Amino acid sequence: MSTTMTKEMLVKAIKPMDDLAIATDMLLSAKSAVRTYAIALTETATPRVRKVLKAQLDTAIDTHQKIADYMIKNEMYHPYNIEEQVEHDLEKSDTALKLADSN
């Protein structure tokens, strides 16, 4: 098998990676928001601010869950099967390496 990729192969490889990259970035951002709100919540002394931060934390948790559910449904994320996740990550790494080699 040739290590060079045709234009069609490149387009097929990049499209799912674009969706995966966007979803992964969103998931990481949501995780970061959860952490940030949780820390801020433990640092505030004002009940009114605490109430607002708790609402924001709940929203961040819900957002994280929706993104994770989307990724699981679309086979981008395999949190319940480490072997599948490792295989998925290796496949994406191989594709990225092939893309780098074709340039």
Protein backbone atom coordinates (compact mmCIF):
# COMPACT_ATOMS: atom_id res chain seq x y z
CA MET A 1 0.00 0.00 0.00
CA SER A 2 1.30 3.43 -0.92
CA THR A 3 1.98 5.91 1.87
CA THR A 4 0.96 8.89 -0.27
CA MET A 5 -2.64 10.01 -0.03
CA THR A 6 -4.81 11.01 -2.94
CA LYS A 7 -6.83 14.21 -2.76
CA GLU A 8 -10.01 12.16 -2.21
CA MET A 9 -8.39 10.23 0.65
CA LEU A 10 -7.20 13.49 2.17
CA VAL A 11 -10.70 15.02 2.07
CA LYS A 12 -12.21 11.88 3.61
CA ALA A 13 -9.56 11.88 6.34
CA ILE A 14 -9.85 15.58 7.18
CA LYS A 15 -13.66 15.94 7.37
CA PRO A 16 -14.19 13.56 10.31
CA MET A 17 -11.11 14.95 12.00
CA ASP A 18 -12.56 18.46 11.72
CA ASP A 19 -15.73 17.33 13.50
CA LEU A 20 -13.66 15.40 16.03
CA ALA A 21 -11.32 18.34 16.62
CA ILE A 22 -14.22 20.73 17.16
CA ALA A 23 -16.08 18.36 19.47
CA THR A 24 -12.92 17.55 21.43
CA ASP A 25 -12.10 21.24 21.84
CA MET A 26 -15.64 21.90 23.04
CA LEU A 27 -15.46 18.99 25.49
CA LEU A 28 -12.14 20.20 26.91
CA SER A 29 -13.52 23.74 27.21
CA ALA A 30 -16.59 22.45 29.04
CA LYS A 31 -14.38 20.45 31.42
CA SER A 32 -12.32 23.55 32.07
CA ALA A 33 -15.46 25.59 32.76
CA VAL A 34 -16.67 22.98 35.27
CA ARG A 35 -13.34 23.12 37.10
CA THR A 36 -13.21 26.91 37.05
CA TYR A 37 -16.76 27.35 38.35
CA ALA A 38 -16.20 24.71 41.04
CA ILE A 39 -13.08 26.49 42.27
CA ALA A 40 -14.75 29.90 42.14
CA LEU A 41 -17.73 28.50 44.03
CA THR A 42 -15.51 27.30 46.87
CA GLU A 43 -13.70 30.65 47.04
CA THR A 44 -16.69 32.99 47.26
CA ALA A 45 -18.11 34.17 50.54
CA THR A 46 -21.19 35.96 49.23
CA PRO A 47 -24.39 33.88 49.13
CA ARG A 48 -25.71 35.79 46.13
CA VAL A 49 -22.51 35.23 44.11
CA ARG A 50 -22.44 31.58 45.25
CA LYS A 51 -25.98 31.13 43.88
CA VAL A 52 -24.98 32.57 40.49
CA LEU A 53 -21.82 30.44 40.33
CA LYS A 54 -23.79 27.30 41.24
CA ALA A 55 -26.20 27.98 38.37
CA GLN A 56 -23.25 28.51 36.02
CA LEU A 57 -21.64 25.28 37.27
CA ASP A 58 -24.86 23.35 36.66
CA THR A 59 -25.02 24.75 33.12
CA ALA A 60 -21.38 23.82 32.48
CA ILE A 61 -21.99 20.27 33.72
CA ASP A 62 -25.07 19.93 31.48
CA THR A 63 -23.11 21.28 28.51
CA HIS A 64 -20.28 18.83 29.14
CA GLN A 65 -22.77 15.95 29.26
CA LYS A 66 -24.41 16.98 25.98
CA ILE A 67 -21.07 17.20 24.20
CA ALA A 68 -19.90 13.87 25.63
CA ASP A 69 -23.19 12.22 24.61
CA TYR A 70 -22.80 13.59 21.07
CA MET A 71 -19.24 12.31 20.85
CA ILE A 72 -20.19 8.87 22.21
CA LYS A 73 -23.15 8.61 19.81
CA ASN A 74 -20.89 9.51 16.86
CA GLU A 75 -18.12 7.14 17.99
CA MET A 76 -15.66 9.96 18.64
CA TYR A 77 -15.28 9.18 22.33
CA HIS A 78 -15.27 5.82 24.11
CA PRO A 79 -15.21 6.56 27.84
CA TYR A 80 -16.54 3.15 28.85
CA ASN A 81 -14.09 1.04 26.83
CA ILE A 82 -10.44 1.96 27.16
CA GLU A 83 -9.34 -0.48 24.45
CA GLU A 84 -11.72 1.13 21.94
CA GLN A 85 -10.55 4.61 22.95
CA VAL A 86 -6.89 3.68 22.57
CA GLU A 87 -7.56 2.11 19.15
CA HIS A 88 -9.52 5.21 18.11
CA ASP A 89 -6.69 7.49 19.25
CA LEU A 90 -4.08 5.39 17.44
CA GLU A 91 -6.09 5.49 14.19
CA LYS A 92 -6.36 9.28 14.40
CA SER A 93 -2.64 9.55 15.17
CA ASP A 94 -1.79 7.39 12.15
CA THR A 95 -4.00 9.56 9.93
CA ALA A 96 -2.33 12.72 11.25
CA LEU A 97 1.12 11.25 10.57
CA LYS A 98 0.12 10.29 7.02
CA LEU A 99 -1.20 13.79 6.43
CA ALA A 100 2.08 15.27 7.70
CA ASP A 101 4.12 12.92 5.49
CA SER A 102 2.12 13.80 2.37
CA ASN A 103 3.06 17.49 2.66
